[in-house]
Full PDB file with SEQRES, HELIX, SHEET, SSBOND, CRYST1, ORIGX, SCALE, CONECT and MASTER records, all heavy atoms in Angstrom:
SEQRES   1 A   28  TYR GLY LEU THR GLY LEU PRO ASP THR ALA ILE ILE ASP          
SEQRES   2 A   28  PRO ARG GLY ARG LEU VAL ASP VAL LEU ARG GLY PRO GLN          
SEQRES   3 A   28  SER ALA                                                      
SHEET    1 AA1 2 ASP A   8  ILE A  12  0                                        
SHEET    2 AA1 2 LEU A  18  ARG A  23 -1                                        
CRYST1    1.000    1.000    1.000  90.00  90.00  90.00 P 1           1          
ORIGX1      1.000000  0.000000  0.000000        0.00000                         
ORIGX2      0.000000  1.000000  0.000000        0.00000                         
ORIGX3      0.000000  0.000000  1.000000        0.00000                         
SCALE1      1.000000  0.000000  0.000000        0.00000                         
SCALE2      0.000000  1.000000  0.000000        0.00000                         
SCALE3      0.000000  0.000000  1.000000        0.00000                         
ATOM      1  N   TYR A   1       4.914  -2.112  -7.962  1.00  0.00           N  
ATOM      2  CA  TYR A   1       4.630  -1.806  -6.515  1.00  0.00           C  
ATOM      3  C   TYR A   1       4.944  -3.062  -5.658  1.00  0.00           C  
ATOM      4  O   TYR A   1       4.799  -2.937  -4.457  1.00  0.00           O  
ATOM      5  CB  TYR A   1       3.174  -1.378  -6.402  1.00  0.00           C  
ATOM      6  CG  TYR A   1       2.922   0.036  -6.531  1.00  0.00           C  
ATOM      7  CD1 TYR A   1       2.743   0.535  -7.867  1.00  0.00           C  
ATOM      8  CD2 TYR A   1       2.917   0.941  -5.574  1.00  0.00           C  
ATOM      9  CE1 TYR A   1       2.637   2.021  -8.087  1.00  0.00           C  
ATOM     10  CE2 TYR A   1       2.669   2.314  -5.774  1.00  0.00           C  
ATOM     11  CZ  TYR A   1       2.601   2.833  -7.035  1.00  0.00           C  
ATOM     12  OH  TYR A   1       2.377   4.124  -7.278  1.00  0.00           O  
ATOM     13  N   GLY A   2       5.429  -4.191  -6.159  1.00  0.00           N  
ATOM     14  CA  GLY A   2       5.839  -5.238  -5.396  1.00  0.00           C  
ATOM     15  C   GLY A   2       4.619  -5.942  -4.783  1.00  0.00           C  
ATOM     16  O   GLY A   2       4.689  -6.592  -3.739  1.00  0.00           O  
ATOM     17  N   LEU A   3       3.458  -6.013  -5.602  1.00  0.00           N  
ATOM     18  CA  LEU A   3       2.322  -6.752  -5.194  1.00  0.00           C  
ATOM     19  C   LEU A   3       2.709  -8.288  -4.751  1.00  0.00           C  
ATOM     20  O   LEU A   3       3.429  -8.897  -5.461  1.00  0.00           O  
ATOM     21  CB  LEU A   3       1.365  -6.987  -6.202  1.00  0.00           C  
ATOM     22  CG  LEU A   3      -0.031  -6.203  -6.061  1.00  0.00           C  
ATOM     23  CD1 LEU A   3       0.135  -4.880  -5.731  1.00  0.00           C  
ATOM     24  CD2 LEU A   3      -0.851  -6.493  -7.274  1.00  0.00           C  
ATOM     25  N   THR A   4       2.184  -8.645  -3.651  1.00  0.00           N  
ATOM     26  CA  THR A   4       2.412 -10.139  -3.232  1.00  0.00           C  
ATOM     27  C   THR A   4       1.124 -10.865  -3.216  1.00  0.00           C  
ATOM     28  O   THR A   4       1.038 -12.137  -3.076  1.00  0.00           O  
ATOM     29  CB  THR A   4       2.981 -10.184  -1.890  1.00  0.00           C  
ATOM     30  OG1 THR A   4       2.100  -9.560  -0.850  1.00  0.00           O  
ATOM     31  CG2 THR A   4       4.438  -9.552  -1.798  1.00  0.00           C  
ATOM     32  N   GLY A   5      -0.008 -10.152  -3.345  1.00  0.00           N  
ATOM     33  CA  GLY A   5      -1.303 -10.817  -3.410  1.00  0.00           C  
ATOM     34  C   GLY A   5      -2.330  -9.686  -3.485  1.00  0.00           C  
ATOM     35  O   GLY A   5      -1.952  -8.532  -3.626  1.00  0.00           O  
ATOM     36  N   LEU A   6      -3.628 -10.083  -3.499  1.00  0.00           N  
ATOM     37  CA  LEU A   6      -4.625  -9.044  -3.642  1.00  0.00           C  
ATOM     38  C   LEU A   6      -5.497  -9.194  -2.386  1.00  0.00           C  
ATOM     39  O   LEU A   6      -5.749 -10.304  -1.861  1.00  0.00           O  
ATOM     40  CB  LEU A   6      -5.458  -9.229  -4.843  1.00  0.00           C  
ATOM     41  CG  LEU A   6      -4.765  -8.788  -6.166  1.00  0.00           C  
ATOM     42  CD1 LEU A   6      -5.565  -9.128  -7.340  1.00  0.00           C  
ATOM     43  CD2 LEU A   6      -4.283  -7.401  -6.155  1.00  0.00           C  
ATOM     44  N   PRO A   7      -6.117  -8.038  -1.894  1.00  0.00           N  
ATOM     45  CA  PRO A   7      -5.695  -6.664  -2.149  1.00  0.00           C  
ATOM     46  C   PRO A   7      -4.527  -6.281  -1.547  1.00  0.00           C  
ATOM     47  O   PRO A   7      -4.010  -6.820  -0.474  1.00  0.00           O  
ATOM     48  CB  PRO A   7      -6.889  -5.868  -1.682  1.00  0.00           C  
ATOM     49  CG  PRO A   7      -7.451  -6.777  -0.488  1.00  0.00           C  
ATOM     50  CD  PRO A   7      -7.067  -8.158  -0.881  1.00  0.00           C  
ATOM     51  N   ASP A   8      -3.749  -5.289  -2.054  1.00  0.00           N  
ATOM     52  CA  ASP A   8      -2.633  -4.622  -1.361  1.00  0.00           C  
ATOM     53  C   ASP A   8      -2.939  -3.050  -1.551  1.00  0.00           C  
ATOM     54  O   ASP A   8      -3.357  -2.681  -2.621  1.00  0.00           O  
ATOM     55  CB  ASP A   8      -1.294  -4.981  -2.156  1.00  0.00           C  
ATOM     56  CG  ASP A   8      -0.662  -6.210  -1.673  1.00  0.00           C  
ATOM     57  OD1 ASP A   8      -1.051  -6.761  -0.636  1.00  0.00           O  
ATOM     58  OD2 ASP A   8       0.418  -6.532  -2.021  1.00  0.00           O  
ATOM     59  N   THR A   9      -2.535  -2.412  -0.505  1.00  0.00           N  
ATOM     60  CA  THR A   9      -2.716  -0.919  -0.543  1.00  0.00           C  
ATOM     61  C   THR A   9      -1.393  -0.132  -0.341  1.00  0.00           C  
ATOM     62  O   THR A   9      -0.806  -0.367   0.757  1.00  0.00           O  
ATOM     63  CB  THR A   9      -3.833  -0.501   0.370  1.00  0.00           C  
ATOM     64  OG1 THR A   9      -5.084  -1.184   0.171  1.00  0.00           O  
ATOM     65  CG2 THR A   9      -4.051   1.006   0.303  1.00  0.00           C  
ATOM     66  N   ALA A  10      -0.879   0.514  -1.290  1.00  0.00           N  
ATOM     67  CA  ALA A  10       0.308   1.304  -1.187  1.00  0.00           C  
ATOM     68  C   ALA A  10      -0.058   2.695  -0.528  1.00  0.00           C  
ATOM     69  O   ALA A  10      -0.999   3.291  -1.061  1.00  0.00           O  
ATOM     70  CB  ALA A  10       1.008   1.433  -2.535  1.00  0.00           C  
ATOM     71  N   ILE A  11       0.743   3.096   0.423  1.00  0.00           N  
ATOM     72  CA  ILE A  11       0.560   4.540   1.002  1.00  0.00           C  
ATOM     73  C   ILE A  11       1.760   5.343   0.475  1.00  0.00           C  
ATOM     74  O   ILE A  11       2.843   5.083   0.640  1.00  0.00           O  
ATOM     75  CB  ILE A  11       0.522   4.250   2.562  1.00  0.00           C  
ATOM     76  CG1 ILE A  11      -0.457   3.419   3.131  1.00  0.00           C  
ATOM     77  CG2 ILE A  11       0.412   5.749   3.151  1.00  0.00           C  
ATOM     78  CD1 ILE A  11      -1.887   3.715   2.680  1.00  0.00           C  
ATOM     79  N   ILE A  12       1.187   6.475  -0.063  1.00  0.00           N  
ATOM     80  CA  ILE A  12       2.196   7.498  -0.700  1.00  0.00           C  
ATOM     81  C   ILE A  12       2.112   8.703   0.146  1.00  0.00           C  
ATOM     82  O   ILE A  12       1.126   9.181   0.429  1.00  0.00           O  
ATOM     83  CB  ILE A  12       1.896   7.658  -2.101  1.00  0.00           C  
ATOM     84  CG1 ILE A  12       1.915   6.351  -2.952  1.00  0.00           C  
ATOM     85  CG2 ILE A  12       2.812   8.754  -2.746  1.00  0.00           C  
ATOM     86  CD1 ILE A  12       1.488   6.433  -4.204  1.00  0.00           C  
ATOM     87  N   ASP A  13       3.251   9.318   0.549  1.00  0.00           N  
ATOM     88  CA  ASP A  13       3.286  10.621   1.353  1.00  0.00           C  
ATOM     89  C   ASP A  13       3.026  11.800   0.302  1.00  0.00           C  
ATOM     90  O   ASP A  13       3.150  11.636  -0.936  1.00  0.00           O  
ATOM     91  CB  ASP A  13       4.505  10.709   2.141  1.00  0.00           C  
ATOM     92  CG  ASP A  13       5.710  11.088   1.448  1.00  0.00           C  
ATOM     93  OD1 ASP A  13       5.864  11.367   0.186  1.00  0.00           O  
ATOM     94  OD2 ASP A  13       6.841  11.041   2.038  1.00  0.00           O  
ATOM     95  N   PRO A  14       2.856  12.934   0.862  1.00  0.00           N  
ATOM     96  CA  PRO A  14       2.610  13.997  -0.009  1.00  0.00           C  
ATOM     97  C   PRO A  14       3.710  14.487  -0.918  1.00  0.00           C  
ATOM     98  O   PRO A  14       3.490  15.129  -1.957  1.00  0.00           O  
ATOM     99  CB  PRO A  14       2.393  15.282   1.023  1.00  0.00           C  
ATOM    100  CG  PRO A  14       1.882  14.598   2.286  1.00  0.00           C  
ATOM    101  CD  PRO A  14       2.686  13.275   2.409  1.00  0.00           C  
ATOM    102  N   ARG A  15       5.017  13.927  -0.754  1.00  0.00           N  
ATOM    103  CA  ARG A  15       6.083  14.174  -1.548  1.00  0.00           C  
ATOM    104  C   ARG A  15       6.201  13.171  -2.706  1.00  0.00           C  
ATOM    105  O   ARG A  15       7.136  13.221  -3.593  1.00  0.00           O  
ATOM    106  CB  ARG A  15       7.392  14.174  -0.861  1.00  0.00           C  
ATOM    107  CG  ARG A  15       7.388  15.253   0.199  1.00  0.00           C  
ATOM    108  CD  ARG A  15       8.715  15.079   1.066  1.00  0.00           C  
ATOM    109  NE  ARG A  15       8.734  13.698   1.657  1.00  0.00           N  
ATOM    110  CZ  ARG A  15       9.829  12.885   1.934  1.00  0.00           C  
ATOM    111  NH1 ARG A  15      10.995  13.392   1.527  1.00  0.00           N  
ATOM    112  NH2 ARG A  15       9.689  11.738   2.314  1.00  0.00           N  
ATOM    113  N   GLY A  16       5.300  12.115  -2.783  1.00  0.00           N  
ATOM    114  CA  GLY A  16       5.404  11.202  -3.826  1.00  0.00           C  
ATOM    115  C   GLY A  16       6.261   9.927  -3.348  1.00  0.00           C  
ATOM    116  O   GLY A  16       6.635   9.204  -4.296  1.00  0.00           O  
ATOM    117  N   ARG A  17       6.445   9.761  -2.130  1.00  0.00           N  
ATOM    118  CA  ARG A  17       7.343   8.744  -1.775  1.00  0.00           C  
ATOM    119  C   ARG A  17       6.488   7.557  -1.200  1.00  0.00           C  
ATOM    120  O   ARG A  17       5.522   7.866  -0.527  1.00  0.00           O  
ATOM    121  CB  ARG A  17       8.290   9.172  -0.644  1.00  0.00           C  
ATOM    122  CG  ARG A  17       9.079  10.336  -0.855  1.00  0.00           C  
ATOM    123  CD  ARG A  17      10.271  10.257  -1.893  1.00  0.00           C  
ATOM    124  NE  ARG A  17      11.173   9.387  -1.353  1.00  0.00           N  
ATOM    125  CZ  ARG A  17      12.255   9.044  -1.964  1.00  0.00           C  
ATOM    126  NH1 ARG A  17      12.599   9.442  -3.069  1.00  0.00           N  
ATOM    127  NH2 ARG A  17      13.144   8.194  -1.357  1.00  0.00           N  
ATOM    128  N   LEU A  18       6.822   6.293  -1.572  1.00  0.00           N  
ATOM    129  CA  LEU A  18       6.155   5.206  -1.016  1.00  0.00           C  
ATOM    130  C   LEU A  18       6.616   4.896   0.372  1.00  0.00           C  
ATOM    131  O   LEU A  18       7.841   4.773   0.685  1.00  0.00           O  
ATOM    132  CB  LEU A  18       6.529   3.975  -1.946  1.00  0.00           C  
ATOM    133  CG  LEU A  18       5.862   2.616  -1.534  1.00  0.00           C  
ATOM    134  CD1 LEU A  18       4.229   2.709  -1.759  1.00  0.00           C  
ATOM    135  CD2 LEU A  18       6.323   1.560  -2.595  1.00  0.00           C  
ATOM    136  N   VAL A  19       5.689   5.005   1.417  1.00  0.00           N  
ATOM    137  CA  VAL A  19       5.991   4.890   2.784  1.00  0.00           C  
ATOM    138  C   VAL A  19       5.546   3.650   3.414  1.00  0.00           C  
ATOM    139  O   VAL A  19       5.903   3.216   4.571  1.00  0.00           O  
ATOM    140  CB  VAL A  19       5.664   6.058   3.593  1.00  0.00           C  
ATOM    141  CG1 VAL A  19       6.426   7.295   3.171  1.00  0.00           C  
ATOM    142  CG2 VAL A  19       4.135   6.355   3.466  1.00  0.00           C  
ATOM    143  N   ASP A  20       4.593   2.884   2.854  1.00  0.00           N  
ATOM    144  CA  ASP A  20       4.069   1.709   3.471  1.00  0.00           C  
ATOM    145  C   ASP A  20       3.237   0.882   2.381  1.00  0.00           C  
ATOM    146  O   ASP A  20       2.715   1.396   1.441  1.00  0.00           O  
ATOM    147  CB  ASP A  20       3.174   1.949   4.670  1.00  0.00           C  
ATOM    148  CG  ASP A  20       3.028   0.937   5.622  1.00  0.00           C  
ATOM    149  OD1 ASP A  20       3.580  -0.192   5.458  1.00  0.00           O  
ATOM    150  OD2 ASP A  20       2.317   1.096   6.704  1.00  0.00           O  
ATOM    151  N   VAL A  21       3.204  -0.389   2.602  1.00  0.00           N  
ATOM    152  CA  VAL A  21       2.267  -1.217   1.840  1.00  0.00           C  
ATOM    153  C   VAL A  21       1.439  -2.075   2.848  1.00  0.00           C  
ATOM    154  O   VAL A  21       2.061  -2.832   3.561  1.00  0.00           O  
ATOM    155  CB  VAL A  21       3.014  -2.166   0.856  1.00  0.00           C  
ATOM    156  CG1 VAL A  21       1.989  -3.001   0.065  1.00  0.00           C  
ATOM    157  CG2 VAL A  21       3.842  -1.288  -0.096  1.00  0.00           C  
ATOM    158  N   LEU A  22       0.171  -1.950   2.737  1.00  0.00           N  
ATOM    159  CA  LEU A  22      -0.724  -2.713   3.594  1.00  0.00           C  
ATOM    160  C   LEU A  22      -1.116  -3.974   2.846  1.00  0.00           C  
ATOM    161  O   LEU A  22      -1.723  -3.834   1.783  1.00  0.00           O  
ATOM    162  CB  LEU A  22      -2.001  -1.937   4.023  1.00  0.00           C  
ATOM    163  CG  LEU A  22      -1.600  -0.529   4.578  1.00  0.00           C  
ATOM    164  CD1 LEU A  22      -2.963   0.185   4.777  1.00  0.00           C  
ATOM    165  CD2 LEU A  22      -0.896  -0.656   5.881  1.00  0.00           C  
ATOM    166  N   ARG A  23      -0.922  -5.114   3.345  1.00  0.00           N  
ATOM    167  CA  ARG A  23      -1.076  -6.368   2.667  1.00  0.00           C  
ATOM    168  C   ARG A  23      -2.495  -6.926   3.102  1.00  0.00           C  
ATOM    169  O   ARG A  23      -2.816  -6.961   4.274  1.00  0.00           O  
ATOM    170  CB  ARG A  23      -0.013  -7.401   2.977  1.00  0.00           C  
ATOM    171  CG  ARG A  23       1.366  -6.959   2.634  1.00  0.00           C  
ATOM    172  CD  ARG A  23       1.606  -6.827   1.299  1.00  0.00           C  
ATOM    173  NE  ARG A  23       3.184  -6.442   1.044  1.00  0.00           N  
ATOM    174  CZ  ARG A  23       3.549  -6.130  -0.152  1.00  0.00           C  
ATOM    175  NH1 ARG A  23       2.809  -6.243  -1.102  1.00  0.00           N  
ATOM    176  NH2 ARG A  23       4.848  -5.809  -0.255  1.00  0.00           N  
ATOM    177  N   GLY A  24      -3.307  -7.363   2.254  1.00  0.00           N  
ATOM    178  CA  GLY A  24      -4.638  -8.088   2.523  1.00  0.00           C  
ATOM    179  C   GLY A  24      -5.707  -6.979   2.733  1.00  0.00           C  
ATOM    180  O   GLY A  24      -5.455  -5.741   2.661  1.00  0.00           O  
ATOM    181  N   PRO A  25      -6.930  -7.476   2.934  1.00  0.00           N  
ATOM    182  CA  PRO A  25      -8.016  -6.604   3.103  1.00  0.00           C  
ATOM    183  C   PRO A  25      -7.825  -5.714   4.324  1.00  0.00           C  
ATOM    184  O   PRO A  25      -7.383  -6.181   5.325  1.00  0.00           O  
ATOM    185  CB  PRO A  25      -9.205  -7.512   3.167  1.00  0.00           C  
ATOM    186  CG  PRO A  25      -8.738  -8.848   3.649  1.00  0.00           C  
ATOM    187  CD  PRO A  25      -7.292  -8.824   3.147  1.00  0.00           C  
ATOM    188  N   GLN A  26      -8.233  -4.352   4.218  1.00  0.00           N  
ATOM    189  CA  GLN A  26      -8.101  -3.448   5.309  1.00  0.00           C  
ATOM    190  C   GLN A  26      -9.454  -2.772   5.654  1.00  0.00           C  
ATOM    191  O   GLN A  26     -10.267  -2.657   4.847  1.00  0.00           O  
ATOM    192  CB  GLN A  26      -7.105  -2.369   4.850  1.00  0.00           C  
ATOM    193  CG  GLN A  26      -5.755  -2.852   4.396  1.00  0.00           C  
ATOM    194  CD  GLN A  26      -4.880  -3.606   5.450  1.00  0.00           C  
ATOM    195  OE1 GLN A  26      -5.074  -3.054   6.667  1.00  0.00           O  
ATOM    196  NE2 GLN A  26      -4.266  -4.599   5.091  1.00  0.00           N  
ATOM    197  N   SER A  27      -9.583  -2.300   6.775  1.00  0.00           N  
ATOM    198  CA  SER A  27     -10.683  -1.600   7.226  1.00  0.00           C  
ATOM    199  C   SER A  27     -10.421  -0.065   6.834  1.00  0.00           C  
ATOM    200  O   SER A  27      -9.186   0.333   6.581  1.00  0.00           O  
ATOM    201  CB  SER A  27     -10.985  -1.685   8.791  1.00  0.00           C  
ATOM    202  OG  SER A  27      -9.955  -1.051   9.447  1.00  0.00           O  
ATOM    203  N   ALA A  28     -11.394   0.733   6.814  1.00  0.00           N  
ATOM    204  CA  ALA A  28     -11.264   2.152   6.633  1.00  0.00           C  
ATOM    205  C   ALA A  28     -10.443   2.800   7.783  1.00  0.00           C  
ATOM    206  O   ALA A  28      -9.576   3.620   7.369  1.00  0.00           O  
ATOM    207  CB  ALA A  28     -12.618   2.839   6.633  1.00  0.00           C  
TER     208      ALA A  28                                                      
MASTER        0    0    0    0    2    0    0    6  207    1    0    3          
END                                                                             
């Protein structure tokens, strides 16, 4: 998934495609 650090959150669309990676801690 190309992690660069923790936490990282990968966003996957309904078709199973990776569309974004949020780096660092995120809010809801």
